[in-house]
Amino acid sequence: MRLDVWLAERTTQLLNAGVQTARLDCLVLLADELDKDKGWLLSHSEHKLQGSILEKLNTKIAQRAMHTPLAYIRGHAEFYGRAFIVNTHTLVPRPETESIIELVKSLSPTAGSHILDIGTGSGCVAITAALELPDAIVSACDIDEQCLKTARQNAQKLHAKVTFFKSDLLSTSSEQDILLANLPYVPANFAINTAATYEPPLALFGGIDGLDLYRKLFDQINRHSWRPKYLITESLSEQHDTLAQLAAATGLNLKITDGLVQLFVSK
């Protein structure tokens, strides 16, 4: 089958399935399978797709038509200009989360500063922090062993020095200067899109109002003998006021809000 014919037919298939990014998704999957860039694909419309390549592409299109996230089909996703391995045990990194990296970089951590990423998932935040701030000491924790396995694979692939360990938030953590927490914050009754239903519920939902895990985190901070100098969180905009109140009661004042991300500073 000619490339342009396949592209037209599969784009129509995805559009009929309600996939709004149909043509782009087809091009991305083509580029992956043929190891060619978009420019090559568009200038070689007569190229023949056949055999195992055609079979693999059609299988992936069938998955996408069921709204399986493109990142899960491809096995990786982009975050802060780097490709991270993702799978059904981890969330797909969101562009909004890159604000966490911008804010932690703006703090200009000194050499030897300890940074902990809580609930690391694929490890994208911790690994990016370690690569962008090579003088910092970065560690990351998660309650899910499968997430930690994926995070370690990403660190090895990207040559990032990060210490990973299993922990229920701060339950087994030592003193840290900076905490990064992109915890599950989706309210239990929140209407998520079809693609998000493929992502792990444990990494998405945070109780009735979405803030149960943050309440637990602040309770743990209160019970520790140390306070972080900074805490950076991500949550829905409508949760920001409540989160700021919870933080203030723990001795952390809101300093900056950037999109979904907030920076708190120890009093």
C-alpha atoms as a PDB file:
ATOM      1  CA  MET A   1       0.000   0.000   0.000  1.00  0.00           C
ATOM      2  CA  ARG A   2       1.275   3.472  -0.893  1.00  0.00           C
ATOM      3  CA  LEU A   3       2.227   5.653   2.054  1.00  0.00           C
ATOM      4  CA  ASP A   4      -0.156   8.464   1.084  1.00  0.00           C
ATOM      5  CA  VAL A   5      -3.071   6.058   0.690  1.00  0.00           C
ATOM      6  CA  TRP A   6      -2.362   4.505   4.090  1.00  0.00           C
ATOM      7  CA  LEU A   7      -2.078   7.958   5.676  1.00  0.00           C
ATOM      8  CA  ALA A   8      -5.415   9.106   4.233  1.00  0.00           C
ATOM      9  CA  GLU A   9      -7.271   5.920   5.205  1.00  0.00           C
ATOM     10  CA  ARG A  10      -5.877   5.663   8.717  1.00  0.00           C
ATOM     11  CA  THR A  11      -6.430   9.389   9.359  1.00  0.00           C
ATOM     12  CA  THR A  12     -10.084   8.907   8.452  1.00  0.00           C
ATOM     13  CA  GLN A  13     -10.246   5.835  10.712  1.00  0.00           C
ATOM     14  CA  LEU A  14      -8.961   7.831  13.702  1.00  0.00           C
ATOM     15  CA  LEU A  15     -11.173  10.830  12.968  1.00  0.00           C
ATOM     16  CA  ASN A  16     -14.194   8.543  12.871  1.00  0.00           C
ATOM     17  CA  ALA A  17     -13.103   7.186  16.256  1.00  0.00           C
ATOM     18  CA  GLY A  18     -13.055  10.724  17.693  1.00  0.00           C
ATOM     19  CA  VAL A  19      -9.290  11.202  17.790  1.00  0.00           C
ATOM     20  CA  GLN A  20      -8.781  14.928  17.185  1.00  0.00           C
ATOM     21  CA  THR A  21      -5.060  14.638  16.393  1.00  0.00           C
ATOM     22  CA  ALA A  22      -5.622  11.888  13.837  1.00  0.00           C
ATOM     23  CA  ARG A  23      -3.277  12.958  11.026  1.00  0.00           C
ATOM     24  CA  LEU A  24      -0.478  13.983  13.385  1.00  0.00           C
ATOM     25  CA  ASP A  25      -0.749  10.690  15.270  1.00  0.00           C
ATOM     26  CA  CYS A  26      -0.528   8.737  12.008  1.00  0.00           C
ATOM     27  CA  LEU A  27       2.563  10.686  10.993  1.00  0.00           C
ATOM     28  CA  VAL A  28       4.198  10.108  14.385  1.00  0.00           C
ATOM     29  CA  LEU A  29       3.603   6.357  14.195  1.00  0.00           C
ATOM     30  CA  LEU A  30       4.860   6.279  10.604  1.00  0.00           C
ATOM     31  CA  ALA A  31       8.003   8.172  11.571  1.00  0.00           C
ATOM     32  CA  ASP A  32       8.661   5.750  14.422  1.00  0.00           C
ATOM     33  CA  GLU A  33       8.135   2.621  12.331  1.00  0.00           C
ATOM     34  CA  LEU A  34      10.119   3.799   9.287  1.00  0.00           C
ATOM     35  CA  ASP A  35      12.727   5.729  11.308  1.00  0.00           C
ATOM     36  CA  LYS A  36      12.169   8.765   9.098  1.00  0.00           C
ATOM     37  CA  ASP A  37      11.268  12.362   9.861  1.00  0.00           C
ATOM     38  CA  LYS A  38       8.037  14.092   8.872  1.00  0.00           C
ATOM     39  CA  GLY A  39       9.665  15.857   5.927  1.00  0.00           C
ATOM     40  CA  TRP A  40      10.761  12.537   4.416  1.00  0.00           C
ATOM     41  CA  LEU A  41       7.297  11.048   4.865  1.00  0.00           C
ATOM     42  CA  LEU A  42       5.569  13.935   3.114  1.00  0.00           C
ATOM     43  CA  SER A  43       8.035  13.941   0.219  1.00  0.00           C
ATOM     44  CA  HIS A  44       7.872  10.161  -0.354  1.00  0.00           C
ATOM     45  CA  SER A  45       4.150   9.629  -0.724  1.00  0.00           C
ATOM     46  CA  GLU A  46       4.739   6.813  -3.211  1.00  0.00           C
ATOM     47  CA  HIS A  47       6.733   4.718  -0.715  1.00  0.00           C
ATOM     48  CA  LYS A  48       5.218   1.236  -0.335  1.00  0.00           C
ATOM     49  CA  LEU A  49       4.191  -0.038   3.092  1.00  0.00           C
ATOM     50  CA  GLN A  50       4.030  -3.798   3.245  1.00  0.00           C
ATOM     51  CA  GLY A  51       4.683  -6.936   5.259  1.00  0.00           C
ATOM     52  CA  SER A  52       5.396  -6.709   8.979  1.00  0.00           C
ATOM     53  CA  ILE A  53       5.724  -2.918   8.891  1.00  0.00           C
ATOM     54  CA  LEU A  54       2.192  -2.496   7.557  1.00  0.00           C
ATOM     55  CA  GLU A  55       0.878  -5.035  10.064  1.00  0.00           C
ATOM     56  CA  LYS A  56       2.545  -3.267  13.005  1.00  0.00           C
ATOM     57  CA  LEU A  57       1.270   0.125  11.883  1.00  0.00           C
ATOM     58  CA  ASN A  58      -2.304  -1.084  11.526  1.00  0.00           C
ATOM     59  CA  THR A  59      -2.152  -2.691  14.975  1.00  0.00           C
ATOM     60  CA  LYS A  60      -0.988   0.587  16.493  1.00  0.00           C
ATOM     61  CA  ILE A  61      -3.709   2.540  14.685  1.00  0.00           C
ATOM     62  CA  ALA A  62      -6.303   0.121  16.070  1.00  0.00           C
ATOM     63  CA  GLN A  63      -4.958   0.803  19.569  1.00  0.00           C
ATOM     64  CA  ARG A  64      -5.085   4.559  19.008  1.00  0.00           C
ATOM     65  CA  ALA A  65      -8.650   4.281  17.683  1.00  0.00           C
ATOM     66  CA  MET A  66      -9.531   2.903  21.131  1.00  0.00           C
ATOM     67  CA  HIS A  67      -7.936   6.072  22.597  1.00  0.00           C
ATOM     68  CA  THR A  68      -4.920   4.317  24.046  1.00  0.00           C
ATOM     69  CA  PRO A  69      -2.494   7.191  24.770  1.00  0.00           C
ATOM     70  CA  LEU A  70      -0.006   7.659  21.955  1.00  0.00           C
ATOM     71  CA  ALA A  71       2.837   7.582  24.485  1.00  0.00           C
ATOM     72  CA  TYR A  72       1.876   4.064  25.605  1.00  0.00           C
ATOM     73  CA  ILE A  73       1.720   2.866  22.017  1.00  0.00           C
ATOM     74  CA  ARG A  74       5.140   4.362  21.268  1.00  0.00           C
ATOM     75  CA  GLY A  75       6.610   3.346  24.635  1.00  0.00           C
ATOM     76  CA  HIS A  76       8.009   6.786  25.353  1.00  0.00           C
ATOM     77  CA  ALA A  77       7.046  10.443  25.817  1.00  0.00           C
ATOM     78  CA  GLU A  78       8.835  13.772  25.639  1.00  0.00           C
ATOM     79  CA  PHE A  79       9.526  15.852  28.748  1.00  0.00           C
ATOM     80  CA  TYR A  80      11.735  18.933  28.827  1.00  0.00           C
ATOM     81  CA  GLY A  81      13.290  17.973  25.495  1.00  0.00           C
ATOM     82  CA  ARG A  82      14.146  14.396  26.461  1.00  0.00           C
ATOM     83  CA  ALA A  83      12.480  11.058  25.694  1.00  0.00           C
ATOM     84  CA  PHE A  84      11.336   9.031  28.707  1.00  0.00           C
ATOM     85  CA  ILE A  85      10.199   5.416  28.779  1.00  0.00           C
ATOM     86  CA  VAL A  86       6.552   5.221  29.862  1.00  0.00           C
ATOM     87  CA  ASN A  87       4.139   2.352  30.321  1.00  0.00           C
ATOM     88  CA  THR A  88       0.778   1.608  31.915  1.00  0.00           C
ATOM     89  CA  HIS A  89       2.380   1.722  35.390  1.00  0.00           C
ATOM     90  CA  THR A  90       3.333   5.393  34.943  1.00  0.00           C
ATOM     91  CA  LEU A  91       1.574   8.605  34.040  1.00  0.00           C
ATOM     92  CA  VAL A  92       2.280  10.187  30.686  1.00  0.00           C
ATOM     93  CA  PRO A  93       4.347  13.348  31.419  1.00  0.00           C
ATOM     94  CA  ARG A  94       2.420  16.581  30.835  1.00  0.00           C
ATOM     95  CA  PRO A  95       3.921  19.814  29.445  1.00  0.00           C
ATOM     96  CA  GLU A  96       2.445  21.701  32.414  1.00  0.00           C
ATOM     97  CA  THR A  97       4.720  19.782  34.762  1.00  0.00           C
ATOM     98  CA  GLU A  98       7.781  21.328  33.129  1.00  0.00           C
ATOM     99  CA  SER A  99       7.048  24.413  35.253  1.00  0.00           C
ATOM    100  CA  ILE A 100       8.337  22.403  38.238  1.00  0.00           C
ATOM    101  CA  ILE A 101      11.735  22.263  36.549  1.00  0.00           C
ATOM    102  CA  GLU A 102      11.688  25.967  35.732  1.00  0.00           C
ATOM    103  CA  LEU A 103      10.897  26.857  39.343  1.00  0.00           C
ATOM    104  CA  VAL A 104      13.487  24.558  40.902  1.00  0.00           C
ATOM    105  CA  LYS A 105      16.114  25.966  38.523  1.00  0.00           C
ATOM    106  CA  SER A 106      15.107  29.501  39.511  1.00  0.00           C
ATOM    107  CA  LEU A 107      16.053  28.678  43.102  1.00  0.00           C
ATOM    108  CA  SER A 108      19.683  28.207  41.986  1.00  0.00           C
ATOM    109  CA  PRO A 109      20.361  25.388  44.449  1.00  0.00           C
ATOM    110  CA  THR A 110      23.885  25.464  45.824  1.00  0.00           C
ATOM    111  CA  ALA A 111      26.290  22.566  45.379  1.00  0.00           C
ATOM    112  CA  GLY A 112      25.224  19.708  47.599  1.00  0.00           C
ATOM    113  CA  SER A 113      21.603  20.809  47.951  1.00  0.00           C
ATOM    114  CA  HIS A 114      19.321  17.826  48.545  1.00  0.00           C
ATOM    115  CA  ILE A 115      16.299  17.573  46.227  1.00  0.00           C
ATOM    116  CA  LEU A 116      13.636  14.882  46.659  1.00  0.00           C
ATOM    117  CA  ASP A 117      10.982  14.093  44.043  1.00  0.00           C
ATOM    118  CA  ILE A 118       8.003  12.494  45.823  1.00  0.00           C
ATOM    119  CA  GLY A 119       5.866  10.075  43.805  1.00  0.00           C
ATOM    120  CA  THR A 120       8.338  10.019  40.942  1.00  0.00           C
ATOM    121  CA  GLY A 121       6.448   7.759  38.504  1.00  0.00           C
ATOM    122  CA  SER A 122       8.528   7.540  35.323  1.00  0.00           C
ATOM    123  CA  GLY A 123      11.231   9.612  37.037  1.00  0.00           C
ATOM    124  CA  CYS A 124      10.950  12.443  34.511  1.00  0.00           C
ATOM    125  CA  VAL A 125      10.979  15.255  37.100  1.00  0.00           C
ATOM    126  CA  ALA A 126      13.814  13.856  39.241  1.00  0.00           C
ATOM    127  CA  ILE A 127      15.959  12.901  36.259  1.00  0.00           C
ATOM    128  CA  THR A 128      15.453  16.245  34.556  1.00  0.00           C
ATOM    129  CA  ALA A 129      16.317  18.064  37.792  1.00  0.00           C
ATOM    130  CA  ALA A 130      19.499  16.006  38.121  1.00  0.00           C
ATOM    131  CA  LEU A 131      20.536  16.712  34.523  1.00  0.00           C
ATOM    132  CA  GLU A 132      19.714  20.427  34.698  1.00  0.00           C
ATOM    133  CA  LEU A 133      21.264  20.881  38.165  1.00  0.00           C
ATOM    134  CA  PRO A 134      24.289  18.566  38.179  1.00  0.00           C
ATOM    135  CA  ASP A 135      25.673  19.968  41.456  1.00  0.00           C
ATOM    136  CA  ALA A 136      22.540  19.042  43.401  1.00  0.00           C
ATOM    137  CA  ILE A 137      22.009  15.701  45.147  1.00  0.00           C
ATOM    138  CA  VAL A 138      18.762  14.321  43.718  1.00  0.00           C
ATOM    139  CA  SER A 139      16.723  11.416  45.022  1.00  0.00           C
ATOM    140  CA  ALA A 140      13.232  10.179  44.219  1.00  0.00           C
ATOM    141  CA  CYS A 141      10.674   7.897  45.812  1.00  0.00           C
ATOM    142  CA  ASP A 142       7.481   6.111  44.887  1.00  0.00           C
ATOM    143  CA  ILE A 143       5.187   3.606  46.554  1.00  0.00           C
ATOM    144  CA  ASP A 144       5.007   1.479  43.378  1.00  0.00           C
ATOM    145  CA  GLU A 145       7.926  -0.842  42.593  1.00  0.00           C
ATOM    146  CA  GLN A 146       6.986  -0.944  38.899  1.00  0.00           C
ATOM    147  CA  CYS A 147       7.284   2.841  38.709  1.00  0.00           C
ATOM    148  CA  LEU A 148      10.676   2.694  40.393  1.00  0.00           C
ATOM    149  CA  LYS A 149      11.811   0.053  37.898  1.00  0.00           C
ATOM    150  CA  THR A 150      10.820   2.328  34.986  1.00  0.00           C
ATOM    151  CA  ALA A 151      12.409   5.370  36.630  1.00  0.00           C
ATOM    152  CA  ARG A 152      15.702   3.527  37.067  1.00  0.00           C
ATOM    153  CA  GLN A 153      15.617   2.492  33.401  1.00  0.00           C
ATOM    154  CA  ASN A 154      15.139   6.129  32.412  1.00  0.00           C
ATOM    155  CA  ALA A 155      17.975   7.299  34.644  1.00  0.00           C
ATOM    156  CA  GLN A 156      20.300   4.713  33.138  1.00  0.00           C
ATOM    157  CA  LYS A 157      19.256   5.587  29.592  1.00  0.00           C
ATOM    158  CA  LEU A 158      19.767   9.318  30.156  1.00  0.00           C
ATOM    159  CA  HIS A 159      22.894   8.950  32.328  1.00  0.00           C
ATOM    160  CA  ALA A 160      21.339  10.776  35.284  1.00  0.00           C
ATOM    161  CA  LYS A 161      22.581  10.373  38.844  1.00  0.00           C
ATOM    162  CA  VAL A 162      19.455   9.868  40.937  1.00  0.00           C
ATOM    163  CA  THR A 163      18.924   7.672  44.003  1.00  0.00           C
ATOM    164  CA  PHE A 164      15.558   5.903  43.883  1.00  0.00           C
ATOM    165  CA  PHE A 165      13.855   4.266  46.866  1.00  0.00           C
ATOM    166  CA  LYS A 166      10.461   2.945  47.854  1.00  0.00           C
ATOM    167  CA  SER A 167       8.524   5.125  50.267  1.00  0.00           C
ATOM    168  CA  ASP A 168       4.982   6.175  51.097  1.00  0.00           C
ATOM    169  CA  LEU A 169       5.591   9.897  50.540  1.00  0.00           C
ATOM    170  CA  LEU A 170       8.043  11.026  53.271  1.00  0.00           C
ATOM    171  CA  SER A 171       7.669   7.971  55.505  1.00  0.00           C
ATOM    172  CA  THR A 172      11.277   6.826  54.975  1.00  0.00           C
ATOM    173  CA  SER A 173      12.911  10.073  53.899  1.00  0.00           C
ATOM    174  CA  SER A 174      15.877  11.879  55.432  1.00  0.00           C
ATOM    175  CA  GLU A 175      16.267  15.654  55.632  1.00  0.00           C
ATOM    176  CA  GLN A 176      15.826  17.481  52.311  1.00  0.00           C
ATOM    177  CA  ASP A 177      16.315  21.081  51.166  1.00  0.00           C
ATOM    178  CA  ILE A 178      13.802  21.022  48.308  1.00  0.00           C
ATOM    179  CA  LEU A 179      10.731  18.807  47.900  1.00  0.00           C
ATOM    180  CA  LEU A 180       9.096  18.300  44.499  1.00  0.00           C
ATOM    181  CA  ALA A 181       5.591  16.837  44.691  1.00  0.00           C
ATOM    182  CA  ASN A 182       3.429  16.187  41.654  1.00  0.00           C
ATOM    183  CA  LEU A 183       1.069  13.965  43.620  1.00  0.00           C
ATOM    184  CA  PRO A 184      -2.269  12.527  42.418  1.00  0.00           C
ATOM    185  CA  TYR A 185      -4.724  15.442  42.587  1.00  0.00           C
ATOM    186  CA  VAL A 186      -7.684  14.564  40.360  1.00  0.00           C
ATOM    187  CA  PRO A 187     -10.948  14.583  42.416  1.00  0.00           C
ATOM    188  CA  ALA A 188     -12.755  11.247  42.543  1.00  0.00           C
ATOM    189  CA  ASN A 189     -15.780  12.472  40.561  1.00  0.00           C
ATOM    190  CA  PHE A 190     -13.784  14.519  38.025  1.00  0.00           C
ATOM    191  CA  ALA A 191     -14.624  13.758  34.378  1.00  0.00           C
ATOM    192  CA  ILE A 192     -11.401  12.596  32.700  1.00  0.00           C
ATOM    193  CA  ASN A 193     -10.977  12.001  28.967  1.00  0.00           C
ATOM    194  CA  THR A 194     -10.944   8.504  27.476  1.00  0.00           C
ATOM    195  CA  ALA A 195      -7.160   8.429  27.053  1.00  0.00           C
ATOM    196  CA  ALA A 196      -6.639   9.142  30.750  1.00  0.00           C
ATOM    197  CA  THR A 197      -8.677   6.045  31.671  1.00  0.00           C
ATOM    198  CA  TYR A 198      -5.694   3.985  30.458  1.00  0.00           C
ATOM    199  CA  GLU A 199      -3.407   5.649  33.015  1.00  0.00           C
ATOM    200  CA  PRO A 200      -2.974   4.160  36.521  1.00  0.00           C
ATOM    201  CA  PRO A 201      -5.756   5.397  38.865  1.00  0.00           C
ATOM    202  CA  LEU A 202      -3.301   5.304  41.790  1.00  0.00           C
ATOM    203  CA  ALA A 203      -1.292   8.045  40.054  1.00  0.00           C
ATOM    204  CA  LEU A 204      -4.313  10.157  39.078  1.00  0.00           C
ATOM    205  CA  PHE A 205      -6.931  10.332  41.803  1.00  0.00           C
ATOM    206  CA  GLY A 206      -6.512  11.992  45.192  1.00  0.00           C
ATOM    207  CA  GLY A 207      -9.790  11.440  47.008  1.00  0.00           C
ATOM    208  CA  ILE A 208     -13.048  13.387  47.030  1.00  0.00           C
ATOM    209  CA  ASP A 209     -11.468  16.830  46.540  1.00  0.00           C
ATOM    210  CA  GLY A 210      -8.197  15.505  45.076  1.00  0.00           C
ATOM    211  CA  LEU A 211      -5.998  16.659  47.953  1.00  0.00           C
ATOM    212  CA  ASP A 212      -5.841  13.601  50.216  1.00  0.00           C
ATOM    213  CA  LEU A 213      -2.219  12.826  49.331  1.00  0.00           C
ATOM    214  CA  TYR A 214      -1.176  16.435  49.902  1.00  0.00           C
ATOM    215  CA  ARG A 215      -2.855  16.412  53.331  1.00  0.00           C
ATOM    216  CA  LYS A 216      -0.904  13.254  54.144  1.00  0.00           C
ATOM    217  CA  LEU A 217       2.314  14.885  52.932  1.00  0.00           C
ATOM    218  CA  PHE A 218       1.809  17.980  55.086  1.00  0.00           C
ATOM    219  CA  ASP A 219       0.981  15.776  58.077  1.00  0.00           C
ATOM    220  CA  GLN A 220       4.275  13.936  57.559  1.00  0.00           C
ATOM    221  CA  ILE A 221       6.168  17.238  57.281  1.00  0.00           C
ATOM    222  CA  ASN A 222       4.620  18.315  60.598  1.00  0.00           C
ATOM    223  CA  ARG A 223       5.807  15.114  62.255  1.00  0.00           C
ATOM    224  CA  HIS A 224       9.386  15.419  61.001  1.00  0.00           C
ATOM    225  CA  SER A 225      12.039  17.261  62.988  1.00  0.00           C
ATOM    226  CA  TRP A 226      13.069  19.149  59.843  1.00  0.00           C
ATOM    227  CA  ARG A 227      11.373  21.449  57.349  1.00  0.00           C
ATOM    228  CA  PRO A 228      12.243  21.742  53.667  1.00  0.00           C
ATOM    229  CA  LYS A 229      13.425  25.171  52.568  1.00  0.00           C
ATOM    230  CA  TYR A 230      11.177  24.897  49.523  1.00  0.00           C
ATOM    231  CA  LEU A 231       8.250  22.799  48.349  1.00  0.00           C
ATOM    232  CA  ILE A 232       7.046  22.764  44.731  1.00  0.00           C
ATOM    233  CA  THR A 233       3.654  21.204  44.008  1.00  0.00           C
ATOM    234  CA  GLU A 234       1.282  20.674  41.089  1.00  0.00           C
ATOM    235  CA  SER A 235      -2.511  20.693  41.336  1.00  0.00           C
ATOM    236  CA  LEU A 236      -5.623  22.016  39.606  1.00  0.00           C
ATOM    237  CA  SER A 237      -5.992  25.806  39.661  1.00  0.00           C
ATOM    238  CA  GLU A 238      -9.193  25.557  41.700  1.00  0.00           C
ATOM    239  CA  GLN A 239      -7.270  23.627  44.376  1.00  0.00           C
ATOM    240  CA  HIS A 240      -4.558  26.256  44.791  1.00  0.00           C
ATOM    241  CA  ASP A 241      -6.178  28.277  47.574  1.00  0.00           C
ATOM    242  CA  THR A 242      -6.859  25.193  49.692  1.00  0.00           C
ATOM    243  CA  LEU A 243      -3.353  23.868  49.069  1.00  0.00           C
ATOM    244  CA  ALA A 244      -1.857  27.209  50.100  1.00  0.00           C
ATOM    245  CA  GLN A 245      -3.848  27.088  53.363  1.00  0.00           C
ATOM    246  CA  LEU A 246      -2.653  23.547  54.066  1.00  0.00           C
ATOM    247  CA  ALA A 247       0.926  24.594  53.387  1.00  0.00           C
ATOM    248  CA  ALA A 248       0.686  27.695  55.574  1.00  0.00           C
ATOM    249  CA  ALA A 249      -0.494  25.579  58.497  1.00  0.00           C
ATOM    250  CA  THR A 250       2.686  23.536  58.030  1.00  0.00           C
ATOM    251  CA  GLY A 251       4.974  26.573  58.034  1.00  0.00           C
ATOM    252  CA  LEU A 252       5.279  26.989  54.255  1.00  0.00           C
ATOM    253  CA  ASN A 253       4.176  30.204  52.561  1.00  0.00           C
ATOM    254  CA  LEU A 254       3.130  30.531  48.919  1.00  0.00           C
ATOM    255  CA  LYS A 255       5.685  32.480  46.893  1.00  0.00           C
ATOM    256  CA  ILE A 256       4.956  31.837  43.209  1.00  0.00           C
ATOM    257  CA  THR A 257       2.200  30.277  41.118  1.00  0.00           C
ATOM    258  CA  ASP A 258       3.085  29.223  37.571  1.00  0.00           C
ATOM    259  CA  GLY A 259       0.200  27.553  35.749  1.00  0.00           C
ATOM    260  CA  LEU A 260      -0.686  24.457  37.762  1.00  0.00           C
ATOM    261  CA  VAL A 261       2.519  24.648  39.798  1.00  0.00           C
ATOM    262  CA  GLN A 262       3.083  26.418  43.127  1.00  0.00           C
ATOM    263  CA  LEU A 263       6.282  27.220  45.008  1.00  0.00           C
ATOM    264  CA  PHE A 264       6.169  27.361  48.808  1.00  0.00           C
ATOM    265  CA  VAL A 265       8.930  28.728  51.033  1.00  0.00           C
ATOM    266  CA  SER A 266       9.632  27.819  54.647  1.00  0.00           C
ATOM    267  CA  LYS A 267       8.747  30.596  57.091  1.00  0.00           C
END
